[in-house]
Protein backbone atom coordinates (compact mmCIF):
# COMPACT_ATOMS: atom_id res chain seq x y z
CA LEU A 1 -0.54 0.00 -0.24
CA ALA A 2 3.05 2.49 0.52
CA ARG A 3 4.46 2.12 -3.07
CA GLN A 4 0.78 2.72 -4.00
CA ARG A 5 0.96 6.20 -2.21
CA ASP A 6 4.22 6.63 -3.57
CA ALA A 7 2.92 6.06 -7.28
CA GLN A 8 -0.14 7.69 -6.26
CA ALA A 9 1.70 11.07 -5.17
CA LYS A 10 3.91 11.04 -8.14
CA GLY A 11 1.33 10.96 -10.61
CA CYS A 12 2.67 7.36 -11.96
CA LEU A 13 -0.47 5.89 -10.38
CA GLU A 14 -2.21 3.75 -13.40
CA PRO A 15 -5.87 5.32 -12.97
CA ALA A 16 -7.29 1.69 -13.53
CA LYS A 17 -5.33 0.62 -10.02
CA ALA A 18 -6.41 3.49 -8.10
CA ASP A 19 -9.60 2.82 -8.62
CA GLU A 20 -9.97 -0.86 -7.90
CA LEU A 21 -8.36 0.17 -5.03
CA ALA A 22 -10.77 2.84 -4.24
CA ALA A 23 -13.09 0.13 -4.99
CA LEU A 24 -12.47 -0.90 -1.86
CA GLY A 25 -12.47 1.25 0.02
CA VAL A 26 -8.64 2.46 0.21
CA THR A 27 -7.49 5.98 0.70
CA LEU A 28 -4.21 7.27 -0.74
CA ARG A 29 -3.47 10.06 0.81
CA SER A 30 -1.08 9.75 3.65
CA ARG A 31 -1.17 11.71 6.72
CA HIS A 32 1.45 13.77 5.24
CA ASP A 33 -0.35 14.97 2.06
CA ALA A 34 -3.72 15.95 4.58
CA ARG A 35 -1.11 18.34 6.45
CA TRP A 36 0.00 19.44 3.75
CA GLU A 37 -3.40 20.33 2.93
CA ARG A 38 -4.06 21.87 6.57
CA ALA A 39 -1.37 24.33 5.30
CA TYR A 40 -2.82 24.90 1.89
CA ALA A 41 -5.51 25.97 3.49
CA ALA A 42 -4.18 28.47 6.16
CA LEU A 43 -2.06 30.02 3.26
CA GLN A 44 -5.46 30.33 1.85
CA THR A 45 -7.26 32.29 4.67
CA PHE A 46 -4.07 34.66 5.18
CA ARG A 47 -4.30 35.21 1.83
CA LEU A 48 -7.75 36.46 1.82
CA ARG A 49 -7.27 38.49 4.85
CA GLU A 50 -3.79 40.23 4.38
CA GLY A 51 -4.16 39.97 0.18
CA HIS A 52 -0.83 38.90 0.16
CA TYR A 53 1.01 35.55 0.47
CA GLN A 54 4.67 37.60 2.50
CA VAL A 55 3.50 35.32 5.49
CA PRO A 56 6.39 36.37 8.32
CA ARG A 57 8.15 33.25 9.13
CA GLN A 58 6.49 32.82 12.85
CA HIS A 59 3.61 33.37 11.27
CA VAL A 60 0.62 30.72 12.98
CA GLU A 61 -2.58 30.72 11.23
CA ASP A 62 -5.23 27.99 12.56
CA GLY A 63 -2.30 26.29 14.85
CA VAL A 64 -0.31 26.03 11.89
CA LYS A 65 3.20 27.26 11.81
CA LEU A 66 2.35 28.84 8.17
CA GLY A 67 5.28 30.60 7.82
CA ASP A 68 7.71 28.03 8.40
CA TRP A 69 5.50 26.07 6.22
CA LEU A 70 6.00 28.48 3.45
CA ASN A 71 9.93 28.93 3.49
CA ASN A 72 9.86 24.42 3.57
CA GLN A 73 7.80 24.55 0.11
CA ARG A 74 10.22 27.46 -1.25
CA THR A 75 13.00 25.56 -0.02
CA ALA A 76 12.05 23.05 -1.77
CA LEU A 77 10.32 24.43 -4.99
CA ARG A 78 14.51 25.69 -5.31
CA LYS A 79 15.98 22.32 -5.20
CA GLY A 80 13.51 20.87 -7.20
CA THR A 81 12.11 18.60 -4.95
CA LEU A 82 8.49 20.49 -4.42
CA ARG A 83 6.01 17.34 -5.98
CA PRO A 84 4.40 18.54 -9.35
CA ASP A 85 1.12 18.59 -7.92
CA ARG A 86 1.53 21.29 -4.91
CA LEU A 87 3.45 23.14 -7.70
CA GLU A 88 0.68 23.48 -9.12
CA LYS A 89 -1.56 24.65 -6.49
CA LEU A 90 0.96 27.45 -4.90
């Protein structure tokens, strides 16, 4: 199952395989994906309120250390390790 989640995260899981797993009730999202989505939602909340994405490094939004999280995303982008699906959202 871990391999299937990795393949899904990298965008290389065959759609038929994903459908089979979904039919079995298997969720392919990991805890890390759920945490990333929560931080992304906090970023959107910040953007709506403040009108920009310039989050102070120590800022916490809805219990998420948003400044640190965004810094980590920017670092991953520079290193080329940010997943394509996440890059598209950002």
